[in-house]
Amino acid sequence: MITIKKIICPVDFSELSRKSLQYANEFAKLSGGEVFLVGVIENDPTINYSHGLDAERAEAEKKLALLIDEEQMAGIVSDYVIYEGFAEECIIDYAKRKEADVIVMGSHGRRGLKRMILGSVAEHVVRRAPCPVLIVKENEHEFIK
């Protein structure tokens, strides 16, 4: 029997991440599990930023709270965190800390040259995650309504 109790869902506020959140929500309802949201303010942690990352963090926290309300997940989302750093590293770290059963995330976020140089966050997470990863694609066969 598969037990899914701790579901990590990275959120970047795109439509695809909202769709991933819907999948995480449904899995949590079916299994009696909890969803843990992770947002990332991407920056290089080796550089000292003095241009208001605190403001970005506060804005991301407001957006997460609004998203939780909009998706009617107040009783399902157990926790959320806003990291600063490289998205793939932050997602993997949070999954390890929470001892996640699964990560549910969108298939893409970066576009164009940035993706070619840095690679796909989803690809990095799939390769290094401490648990299974469900990748939600933009145009796919839907199994939630």
N, C-alpha and C. Protein backbone atom coordinates (compact mmCIF):
# COMPACT_ATOMS: atom_id res chain seq x y z
N MET A 1 0.84 -1.18 0.00
CA MET A 1 0.00 0.00 0.00
C MET A 1 0.89 1.25 0.00
N ILE A 2 0.53 2.20 -0.81
CA ILE A 2 1.29 3.44 -0.90
C ILE A 2 0.73 4.44 0.11
N THR A 3 1.62 5.02 0.89
CA THR A 3 1.23 6.02 1.86
C THR A 3 1.87 7.35 1.48
N ILE A 4 1.03 8.31 1.17
CA ILE A 4 1.51 9.64 0.83
C ILE A 4 0.99 10.59 1.89
N LYS A 5 1.87 10.97 2.81
CA LYS A 5 1.48 11.85 3.91
C LYS A 5 2.10 13.24 3.81
N LYS A 6 3.30 13.32 3.25
CA LYS A 6 3.99 14.61 3.15
C LYS A 6 4.28 14.91 1.68
N ILE A 7 3.60 15.94 1.17
CA ILE A 7 3.69 16.31 -0.24
C ILE A 7 4.34 17.68 -0.33
N ILE A 8 5.46 17.75 -1.01
CA ILE A 8 6.14 19.03 -1.24
C ILE A 8 5.67 19.55 -2.60
N CYS A 9 5.30 20.83 -2.62
CA CYS A 9 4.86 21.45 -3.88
C CYS A 9 5.56 22.80 -4.05
N PRO A 10 6.56 22.86 -4.94
CA PRO A 10 7.20 24.14 -5.23
C PRO A 10 6.22 25.07 -5.95
N VAL A 11 6.25 26.35 -5.60
CA VAL A 11 5.32 27.32 -6.17
C VAL A 11 6.10 28.52 -6.69
N ASP A 12 5.86 28.87 -7.96
CA ASP A 12 6.46 30.09 -8.51
C ASP A 12 5.38 31.06 -9.01
N PHE A 13 4.11 30.75 -8.69
CA PHE A 13 2.95 31.58 -9.00
C PHE A 13 2.57 31.59 -10.48
N SER A 14 3.15 30.69 -11.27
CA SER A 14 2.76 30.55 -12.67
C SER A 14 1.50 29.69 -12.74
N GLU A 15 0.86 29.66 -13.90
CA GLU A 15 -0.31 28.80 -14.08
C GLU A 15 0.06 27.33 -13.90
N LEU A 16 1.25 26.95 -14.36
CA LEU A 16 1.67 25.56 -14.23
C LEU A 16 1.89 25.19 -12.76
N SER A 17 2.42 26.11 -11.98
CA SER A 17 2.62 25.78 -10.56
C SER A 17 1.27 25.73 -9.85
N ARG A 18 0.31 26.52 -10.29
CA ARG A 18 -1.04 26.46 -9.73
C ARG A 18 -1.67 25.10 -10.06
N LYS A 19 -1.43 24.62 -11.27
CA LYS A 19 -1.93 23.30 -11.68
C LYS A 19 -1.28 22.20 -10.83
N SER A 20 0.01 22.32 -10.58
CA SER A 20 0.72 21.36 -9.72
C SER A 20 0.13 21.37 -8.32
N LEU A 21 -0.21 22.54 -7.84
CA LEU A 21 -0.81 22.68 -6.52
C LEU A 21 -2.16 21.96 -6.46
N GLN A 22 -2.92 22.02 -7.54
CA GLN A 22 -4.20 21.30 -7.59
C GLN A 22 -3.98 19.79 -7.49
N TYR A 23 -2.96 19.29 -8.17
CA TYR A 23 -2.63 17.87 -8.07
C TYR A 23 -2.23 17.51 -6.63
N ALA A 24 -1.38 18.33 -6.04
CA ALA A 24 -0.94 18.08 -4.66
C ALA A 24 -2.14 18.08 -3.72
N ASN A 25 -3.04 19.01 -3.93
CA ASN A 25 -4.25 19.13 -3.12
C ASN A 25 -5.09 17.85 -3.22
N GLU A 26 -5.28 17.35 -4.43
CA GLU A 26 -6.08 16.13 -4.62
C GLU A 26 -5.41 14.92 -3.99
N PHE A 27 -4.10 14.78 -4.15
CA PHE A 27 -3.39 13.67 -3.52
C PHE A 27 -3.53 13.74 -2.00
N ALA A 28 -3.43 14.94 -1.45
CA ALA A 28 -3.55 15.11 -0.01
C ALA A 28 -4.95 14.72 0.47
N LYS A 29 -5.97 15.12 -0.27
CA LYS A 29 -7.35 14.76 0.10
C LYS A 29 -7.54 13.25 0.06
N LEU A 30 -7.04 12.60 -0.98
CA LEU A 30 -7.20 11.15 -1.13
C LEU A 30 -6.46 10.35 -0.07
N SER A 31 -5.30 10.85 0.33
CA SER A 31 -4.46 10.07 1.24
C SER A 31 -4.49 10.56 2.68
N GLY A 32 -5.20 11.66 2.91
CA GLY A 32 -5.18 12.24 4.25
C GLY A 32 -3.84 12.88 4.56
N GLY A 33 -3.13 13.27 3.52
CA GLY A 33 -1.80 13.84 3.67
C GLY A 33 -1.81 15.34 3.86
N GLU A 34 -0.62 15.88 3.91
CA GLU A 34 -0.41 17.32 4.09
C GLU A 34 0.44 17.84 2.94
N VAL A 35 0.22 19.10 2.59
CA VAL A 35 1.00 19.75 1.55
C VAL A 35 1.91 20.78 2.19
N PHE A 36 3.16 20.78 1.76
CA PHE A 36 4.16 21.74 2.22
C PHE A 36 4.62 22.53 1.00
N LEU A 37 4.37 23.83 1.00
CA LEU A 37 4.72 24.67 -0.14
C LEU A 37 6.12 25.24 0.04
N VAL A 38 6.83 25.33 -1.08
CA VAL A 38 8.15 25.96 -1.06
C VAL A 38 8.24 26.95 -2.21
N GLY A 39 8.56 28.19 -1.86
CA GLY A 39 8.82 29.23 -2.84
C GLY A 39 10.29 29.58 -2.79
N VAL A 40 10.82 30.05 -3.91
CA VAL A 40 12.24 30.38 -3.96
C VAL A 40 12.44 31.74 -4.60
N ILE A 41 13.17 32.58 -3.90
CA ILE A 41 13.65 33.83 -4.48
C ILE A 41 15.03 33.49 -5.02
N GLU A 42 15.12 33.39 -6.34
CA GLU A 42 16.37 32.90 -6.92
C GLU A 42 17.45 33.97 -6.85
N ASN A 43 18.56 33.58 -6.27
CA ASN A 43 19.76 34.41 -6.24
C ASN A 43 20.94 33.51 -5.92
N ASP A 44 22.08 34.04 -6.15
CA ASP A 44 23.32 33.32 -5.84
C ASP A 44 23.66 33.60 -4.38
N PRO A 45 23.57 32.58 -3.51
CA PRO A 45 23.81 32.82 -2.08
C PRO A 45 25.23 33.25 -1.75
N THR A 46 26.15 33.18 -2.70
CA THR A 46 27.53 33.60 -2.44
C THR A 46 27.71 35.10 -2.65
N ILE A 47 26.67 35.77 -3.15
CA ILE A 47 26.74 37.22 -3.41
C ILE A 47 25.92 37.94 -2.34
N ASN A 48 26.44 39.03 -1.81
CA ASN A 48 25.72 39.82 -0.82
C ASN A 48 24.78 40.79 -1.55
N TYR A 49 23.48 40.54 -1.46
CA TYR A 49 22.48 41.40 -2.10
C TYR A 49 22.01 42.44 -1.09
N SER A 50 22.10 43.69 -1.47
CA SER A 50 21.65 44.74 -0.56
C SER A 50 20.43 45.47 -1.14
N HIS A 51 19.78 44.88 -2.14
CA HIS A 51 18.69 45.58 -2.81
C HIS A 51 17.30 45.03 -2.47
N GLY A 52 17.07 44.72 -1.24
CA GLY A 52 15.71 44.45 -0.80
C GLY A 52 15.17 43.06 -0.99
N LEU A 53 15.93 42.04 -0.67
CA LEU A 53 15.38 40.69 -0.72
C LEU A 53 14.29 40.52 0.33
N ASP A 54 14.34 41.33 1.40
CA ASP A 54 13.30 41.26 2.41
C ASP A 54 11.94 41.64 1.82
N ALA A 55 11.94 42.63 0.95
CA ALA A 55 10.69 43.04 0.30
C ALA A 55 10.18 41.94 -0.62
N GLU A 56 11.08 41.29 -1.34
CA GLU A 56 10.69 40.17 -2.21
C GLU A 56 10.12 39.03 -1.38
N ARG A 57 10.74 38.75 -0.26
CA ARG A 57 10.28 37.68 0.63
C ARG A 57 8.88 38.00 1.16
N ALA A 58 8.66 39.22 1.61
CA ALA A 58 7.35 39.62 2.14
C ALA A 58 6.28 39.51 1.06
N GLU A 59 6.61 39.92 -0.15
CA GLU A 59 5.66 39.83 -1.27
C GLU A 59 5.34 38.37 -1.59
N ALA A 60 6.35 37.51 -1.59
CA ALA A 60 6.13 36.09 -1.87
C ALA A 60 5.26 35.46 -0.79
N GLU A 61 5.47 35.83 0.47
CA GLU A 61 4.65 35.29 1.55
C GLU A 61 3.20 35.72 1.42
N LYS A 62 2.96 36.97 1.01
CA LYS A 62 1.59 37.44 0.77
C LYS A 62 0.94 36.64 -0.36
N LYS A 63 1.69 36.45 -1.43
CA LYS A 63 1.16 35.69 -2.57
C LYS A 63 0.84 34.25 -2.18
N LEU A 64 1.70 33.62 -1.37
CA LEU A 64 1.45 32.25 -0.92
C LEU A 64 0.18 32.18 -0.08
N ALA A 65 0.00 33.10 0.83
CA ALA A 65 -1.19 33.11 1.68
C ALA A 65 -2.45 33.27 0.82
N LEU A 66 -2.39 34.16 -0.16
CA LEU A 66 -3.53 34.37 -1.07
C LEU A 66 -3.80 33.12 -1.90
N LEU A 67 -2.75 32.48 -2.38
CA LEU A 67 -2.89 31.25 -3.17
C LEU A 67 -3.54 30.14 -2.36
N ILE A 68 -3.13 29.99 -1.11
CA ILE A 68 -3.71 28.98 -0.23
C ILE A 68 -5.21 29.22 -0.08
N ASP A 69 -5.60 30.48 0.09
CA ASP A 69 -7.03 30.81 0.21
C ASP A 69 -7.77 30.55 -1.10
N GLU A 70 -7.20 30.99 -2.22
CA GLU A 70 -7.85 30.82 -3.52
C GLU A 70 -8.08 29.35 -3.87
N GLU A 71 -7.12 28.52 -3.54
CA GLU A 71 -7.22 27.09 -3.87
C GLU A 71 -7.94 26.29 -2.78
N GLN A 72 -8.46 27.00 -1.77
CA GLN A 72 -9.20 26.37 -0.67
C GLN A 72 -8.40 25.25 -0.03
N MET A 73 -7.17 25.57 0.33
CA MET A 73 -6.25 24.58 0.89
C MET A 73 -5.87 24.88 2.33
N ALA A 74 -6.64 25.74 2.99
CA ALA A 74 -6.27 26.17 4.35
C ALA A 74 -6.08 25.00 5.30
N GLY A 75 -6.87 23.94 5.20
CA GLY A 75 -6.72 22.81 6.10
C GLY A 75 -5.73 21.77 5.62
N ILE A 76 -5.26 21.92 4.39
CA ILE A 76 -4.38 20.92 3.79
C ILE A 76 -2.92 21.35 3.81
N VAL A 77 -2.67 22.64 3.62
CA VAL A 77 -1.30 23.15 3.65
C VAL A 77 -0.85 23.25 5.10
N SER A 78 0.14 22.46 5.45
CA SER A 78 0.65 22.43 6.82
C SER A 78 1.70 23.49 7.08
N ASP A 79 2.46 23.81 6.04
CA ASP A 79 3.56 24.74 6.24
C ASP A 79 4.00 25.26 4.89
N TYR A 80 4.66 26.39 4.91
CA TYR A 80 5.30 26.88 3.71
C TYR A 80 6.57 27.60 4.11
N VAL A 81 7.47 27.69 3.14
CA VAL A 81 8.75 28.35 3.39
C VAL A 81 9.15 29.10 2.13
N ILE A 82 9.83 30.22 2.34
CA ILE A 82 10.42 30.97 1.23
C ILE A 82 11.93 30.88 1.41
N TYR A 83 12.59 30.27 0.43
CA TYR A 83 14.04 30.16 0.44
C TYR A 83 14.64 31.26 -0.44
N GLU A 84 15.91 31.51 -0.23
CA GLU A 84 16.70 32.34 -1.13
C GLU A 84 17.85 31.49 -1.62
N GLY A 85 18.02 31.40 -2.93
CA GLY A 85 19.10 30.59 -3.47
C GLY A 85 18.74 30.02 -4.83
N PHE A 86 19.31 28.88 -5.14
CA PHE A 86 19.02 28.20 -6.40
C PHE A 86 17.82 27.29 -6.20
N ALA A 87 16.82 27.39 -7.06
CA ALA A 87 15.55 26.70 -6.87
C ALA A 87 15.71 25.20 -6.63
N GLU A 88 16.49 24.54 -7.47
CA GLU A 88 16.60 23.08 -7.34
C GLU A 88 17.21 22.68 -5.99
N GLU A 89 18.21 23.42 -5.53
CA GLU A 89 18.84 23.13 -4.25
C GLU A 89 17.86 23.34 -3.09
N CYS A 90 17.10 24.42 -3.17
CA CYS A 90 16.14 24.75 -2.11
C CYS A 90 15.03 23.71 -2.03
N ILE A 91 14.51 23.28 -3.17
CA ILE A 91 13.44 22.28 -3.21
C ILE A 91 13.92 20.96 -2.62
N ILE A 92 15.08 20.54 -3.03
CA ILE A 92 15.65 19.28 -2.52
C ILE A 92 15.90 19.37 -1.02
N ASP A 93 16.46 20.49 -0.57
CA ASP A 93 16.72 20.66 0.86
C ASP A 93 15.43 20.58 1.67
N TYR A 94 14.40 21.26 1.21
CA TYR A 94 13.12 21.25 1.94
C TYR A 94 12.51 19.85 1.97
N ALA A 95 12.60 19.13 0.85
CA ALA A 95 12.08 17.76 0.80
C ALA A 95 12.81 16.86 1.80
N LYS A 96 14.11 17.04 1.90
CA LYS A 96 14.88 16.25 2.88
C LYS A 96 14.50 16.61 4.30
N ARG A 97 14.39 17.90 4.59
CA ARG A 97 14.05 18.34 5.95
C ARG A 97 12.69 17.84 6.38
N LYS A 98 11.74 17.83 5.46
CA LYS A 98 10.38 17.40 5.79
C LYS A 98 10.19 15.89 5.65
N GLU A 99 11.21 15.19 5.19
CA GLU A 99 11.12 13.75 4.92
C GLU A 99 9.92 13.47 4.03
N ALA A 100 9.89 14.13 2.90
CA ALA A 100 8.76 14.09 1.96
C ALA A 100 8.54 12.70 1.38
N ASP A 101 7.28 12.41 1.12
CA ASP A 101 6.91 11.18 0.44
C ASP A 101 6.90 11.37 -1.07
N VAL A 102 6.60 12.59 -1.53
CA VAL A 102 6.56 12.89 -2.95
C VAL A 102 6.70 14.40 -3.14
N ILE A 103 7.26 14.77 -4.28
CA ILE A 103 7.31 16.17 -4.70
C ILE A 103 6.42 16.27 -5.94
N VAL A 104 5.51 17.24 -5.95
CA VAL A 104 4.64 17.48 -7.10
C VAL A 104 5.00 18.85 -7.64
N MET A 105 5.51 18.90 -8.88
CA MET A 105 5.97 20.18 -9.42
C MET A 105 5.76 20.27 -10.93
N GLY A 106 5.77 21.49 -11.43
CA GLY A 106 5.62 21.74 -12.86
C GLY A 106 6.86 21.35 -13.63
N SER A 107 6.66 21.12 -14.91
CA SER A 107 7.75 20.64 -15.75
C SER A 107 8.72 21.73 -16.16
N HIS A 108 8.32 22.98 -16.07
CA HIS A 108 9.24 24.04 -16.48
C HIS A 108 8.96 25.34 -15.75
N GLY A 109 9.93 26.19 -15.78
CA GLY A 109 9.84 27.51 -15.17
C GLY A 109 10.76 28.46 -15.90
N ARG A 110 11.98 28.02 -16.10
CA ARG A 110 12.95 28.83 -16.84
C ARG A 110 12.67 28.70 -18.33
N ARG A 111 13.00 29.74 -19.06
CA ARG A 111 12.78 29.72 -20.50
C ARG A 111 14.03 30.20 -21.24
N GLY A 112 14.08 29.86 -22.51
CA GLY A 112 15.10 30.39 -23.41
C GLY A 112 16.53 30.09 -23.01
N LEU A 113 17.38 31.10 -23.18
CA LEU A 113 18.81 30.94 -22.94
C LEU A 113 19.11 30.56 -21.50
N LYS A 114 18.37 31.12 -20.55
CA LYS A 114 18.60 30.79 -19.15
C LYS A 114 18.42 29.29 -18.92
N ARG A 115 17.41 28.68 -19.55
CA ARG A 115 17.18 27.24 -19.39
C ARG A 115 18.30 26.45 -20.05
N MET A 116 18.74 26.91 -21.22
CA MET A 116 19.81 26.19 -21.91
C MET A 116 21.09 26.18 -21.09
N ILE A 117 21.38 27.28 -20.44
CA ILE A 117 22.62 27.39 -19.67
C ILE A 117 22.48 26.69 -18.32
N LEU A 118 21.40 26.92 -17.62
CA LEU A 118 21.24 26.41 -16.26
C LEU A 118 20.54 25.05 -16.19
N GLY A 119 19.81 24.70 -17.23
CA GLY A 119 19.07 23.44 -17.20
C GLY A 119 17.72 23.60 -16.54
N SER A 120 16.94 22.57 -16.57
CA SER A 120 15.61 22.58 -16.02
C SER A 120 15.65 22.30 -14.52
N VAL A 121 14.94 23.11 -13.75
CA VAL A 121 14.85 22.87 -12.31
C VAL A 121 14.24 21.49 -12.07
N ALA A 122 13.17 21.18 -12.80
CA ALA A 122 12.50 19.88 -12.64
C ALA A 122 13.47 18.74 -12.91
N GLU A 123 14.28 18.88 -13.96
CA GLU A 123 15.25 17.84 -14.30
C GLU A 123 16.24 17.61 -13.15
N HIS A 124 16.74 18.70 -12.59
CA HIS A 124 17.68 18.59 -11.46
C HIS A 124 17.02 17.95 -10.25
N VAL A 125 15.78 18.33 -9.97
CA VAL A 125 15.08 17.78 -8.81
C VAL A 125 14.84 16.29 -9.01
N VAL A 126 14.39 15.89 -10.20
CA VAL A 126 14.14 14.47 -10.47
C VAL A 126 15.39 13.65 -10.23
N ARG A 127 16.53 14.16 -10.68
CA ARG A 127 17.79 13.41 -10.54
C ARG A 127 18.27 13.27 -9.11
N ARG A 128 17.97 14.27 -8.26
CA ARG A 128 18.59 14.29 -6.93
C ARG A 128 17.61 14.23 -5.77
N ALA A 129 16.33 14.16 -6.04
CA ALA A 129 15.34 14.17 -4.97
C ALA A 129 15.44 12.93 -4.09
N PRO A 130 15.13 13.10 -2.81
CA PRO A 130 15.17 11.97 -1.88
C PRO A 130 13.90 11.13 -1.91
N CYS A 131 12.98 11.44 -2.83
CA CYS A 131 11.69 10.77 -2.91
C CYS A 131 11.20 10.81 -4.36
N PRO A 132 10.09 10.13 -4.66
CA PRO A 132 9.54 10.22 -6.02
C PRO A 132 9.10 11.64 -6.34
N VAL A 133 9.12 11.95 -7.64
CA VAL A 133 8.73 13.28 -8.11
C VAL A 133 7.66 13.11 -9.19
N LEU A 134 6.53 13.78 -9.02
CA LEU A 134 5.49 13.81 -10.05
C LEU A 134 5.62 15.12 -10.80
N ILE A 135 5.88 15.02 -12.09
CA ILE A 135 6.03 16.21 -12.93
C ILE A 135 4.70 16.48 -13.63
N VAL A 136 4.15 17.66 -13.40
CA VAL A 136 2.90 18.07 -14.03
C VAL A 136 3.26 18.89 -15.26
N LYS A 137 2.72 18.45 -16.41
CA LYS A 137 3.02 19.14 -17.66
C LYS A 137 1.89 20.09 -18.02
N GLU A 138 2.24 21.07 -18.83
CA GLU A 138 1.28 22.10 -19.20
C GLU A 138 0.11 21.54 -20.01
N ASN A 139 0.42 20.81 -21.05
CA ASN A 139 -0.61 20.25 -21.92
C ASN A 139 -0.54 18.74 -21.83
N GLU A 140 -1.38 18.17 -20.99
CA GLU A 140 -1.33 16.74 -20.76
C GLU A 140 -2.73 16.20 -20.61
N HIS A 141 -2.83 14.90 -20.57
CA HIS A 141 -4.08 14.24 -20.24
C HIS A 141 -4.38 14.54 -18.76
N GLU A 142 -5.50 15.16 -18.51
CA GLU A 142 -5.86 15.52 -17.14
C GLU A 142 -6.52 14.35 -16.43
N PHE A 143 -6.11 14.10 -15.20
CA PHE A 143 -6.83 13.12 -14.42
C PHE A 143 -7.43 13.73 -13.16
N ILE A 144 -7.37 15.06 -13.07
CA ILE A 144 -8.14 15.76 -12.04
C ILE A 144 -9.01 16.78 -12.75
N LYS A 145 -10.14 17.04 -12.20
CA LYS A 145 -11.08 18.01 -12.79
C LYS A 145 -11.40 19.09 -11.78
